[in-house]
Amino acid sequence: MMTGAGPMTIREAARRMKRDVKAVHTDVHVLLNAGILQKTGEGLIVFPFDAVHVDFMLNAA
């Protein structure tokens, strides 16, 4: 949803995804810490990539 959309507020991201702002806020901070999202100087969030390849394994608990 954020690919190519440019910088936006967390509230705008939540509106576009039709999700609760508080839940998106939590997710955004996890993605910021992982380096997947970035913050602009104005405090907006941005997804600065065209794509992300994720490779991981899930094991039974």
C-alpha atoms as a PDB file:
ATOM      1  CA  MET A   1       0.000   0.000   0.000  1.00  0.00           C
ATOM      2  CA  MET A   2       2.887   2.376   0.671  1.00  0.00           C
ATOM      3  CA  THR A   3       4.975   1.425  -2.377  1.00  0.00           C
ATOM      4  CA  GLY A   4       5.346   4.549  -4.499  1.00  0.00           C
ATOM      5  CA  ALA A   5       2.876   6.494  -2.330  1.00  0.00           C
ATOM      6  CA  GLY A   6       5.474   8.870  -0.873  1.00  0.00           C
ATOM      7  CA  PRO A   7       5.652  10.160   2.702  1.00  0.00           C
ATOM      8  CA  MET A   8       2.487  10.093   4.811  1.00  0.00           C
ATOM      9  CA  THR A   9       1.274  10.236   8.380  1.00  0.00           C
ATOM     10  CA  ILE A  10       0.485   7.117  10.357  1.00  0.00           C
ATOM     11  CA  ARG A  11      -3.151   8.235  10.390  1.00  0.00           C
ATOM     12  CA  GLU A  12      -3.164   8.417   6.568  1.00  0.00           C
ATOM     13  CA  ALA A  13      -1.590   4.953   6.309  1.00  0.00           C
ATOM     14  CA  ALA A  14      -4.268   3.575   8.661  1.00  0.00           C
ATOM     15  CA  ARG A  15      -7.023   5.232   6.627  1.00  0.00           C
ATOM     16  CA  ARG A  16      -5.715   3.758   3.372  1.00  0.00           C
ATOM     17  CA  MET A  17      -5.500   0.287   4.925  1.00  0.00           C
ATOM     18  CA  LYS A  18      -8.847   0.653   6.704  1.00  0.00           C
ATOM     19  CA  ARG A  19      -7.179  -0.260  10.012  1.00  0.00           C
ATOM     20  CA  ASP A  20      -7.165   1.115  13.541  1.00  0.00           C
ATOM     21  CA  VAL A  21      -4.639   3.955  13.986  1.00  0.00           C
ATOM     22  CA  LYS A  22      -3.273   2.504  17.250  1.00  0.00           C
ATOM     23  CA  ALA A  23      -2.608  -0.880  15.626  1.00  0.00           C
ATOM     24  CA  VAL A  24      -0.911   0.747  12.620  1.00  0.00           C
ATOM     25  CA  HIS A  25       1.160   2.929  14.977  1.00  0.00           C
ATOM     26  CA  THR A  26       2.489  -0.207  16.686  1.00  0.00           C
ATOM     27  CA  ASP A  27       3.239  -1.901  13.352  1.00  0.00           C
ATOM     28  CA  VAL A  28       4.950   1.206  11.966  1.00  0.00           C
ATOM     29  CA  HIS A  29       7.335   1.392  14.917  1.00  0.00           C
ATOM     30  CA  VAL A  30       8.288  -2.267  14.479  1.00  0.00           C
ATOM     31  CA  LEU A  31       8.934  -1.639  10.768  1.00  0.00           C
ATOM     32  CA  LEU A  32      10.937   1.529  11.545  1.00  0.00           C
ATOM     33  CA  ASN A  33      13.139  -0.441  13.960  1.00  0.00           C
ATOM     34  CA  ALA A  34      13.640  -3.140  11.308  1.00  0.00           C
ATOM     35  CA  GLY A  35      14.667  -0.520   8.722  1.00  0.00           C
ATOM     36  CA  ILE A  36      11.761  -1.309   6.401  1.00  0.00           C
ATOM     37  CA  LEU A  37      10.119   2.084   6.872  1.00  0.00           C
ATOM     38  CA  GLN A  38      11.905   5.408   7.317  1.00  0.00           C
ATOM     39  CA  LYS A  39      10.913   8.757   8.816  1.00  0.00           C
ATOM     40  CA  THR A  40      11.336  12.016   6.948  1.00  0.00           C
ATOM     41  CA  GLY A  41      12.661  15.185   8.557  1.00  0.00           C
ATOM     42  CA  GLU A  42       9.045  16.289   8.915  1.00  0.00           C
ATOM     43  CA  GLY A  43       8.169  13.120  10.872  1.00  0.00           C
ATOM     44  CA  LEU A  44       6.234  11.411   8.067  1.00  0.00           C
ATOM     45  CA  ILE A  45       6.707   7.717   7.337  1.00  0.00           C
ATOM     46  CA  VAL A  46       7.866   6.438   3.962  1.00  0.00           C
ATOM     47  CA  PHE A  47       8.508   3.065   2.333  1.00  0.00           C
ATOM     48  CA  PRO A  48      11.553   3.958   0.207  1.00  0.00           C
ATOM     49  CA  PHE A  49      11.769   0.715  -1.795  1.00  0.00           C
ATOM     50  CA  ASP A  50      10.169  -0.652  -4.967  1.00  0.00           C
ATOM     51  CA  ALA A  51       9.998  -4.112  -3.384  1.00  0.00           C
ATOM     52  CA  VAL A  52      11.315  -6.159  -0.466  1.00  0.00           C
ATOM     53  CA  HIS A  53      12.240  -9.830  -0.653  1.00  0.00           C
ATOM     54  CA  VAL A  54      11.756 -11.662   2.653  1.00  0.00           C
ATOM     55  CA  ASP A  55      13.193 -15.127   3.204  1.00  0.00           C
ATOM     56  CA  PHE A  56      12.347 -16.881   6.478  1.00  0.00           C
ATOM     57  CA  MET A  57      11.452 -20.276   7.922  1.00  0.00           C
ATOM     58  CA  LEU A  58       8.576 -21.051  10.271  1.00  0.00           C
ATOM     59  CA  ASN A  59       8.941 -24.011  12.656  1.00  0.00           C
ATOM     60  CA  ALA A  60       6.301 -25.678  14.749  1.00  0.00           C
ATOM     61  CA  ALA A  61       6.364 -24.570  18.394  1.00  0.00           C
END
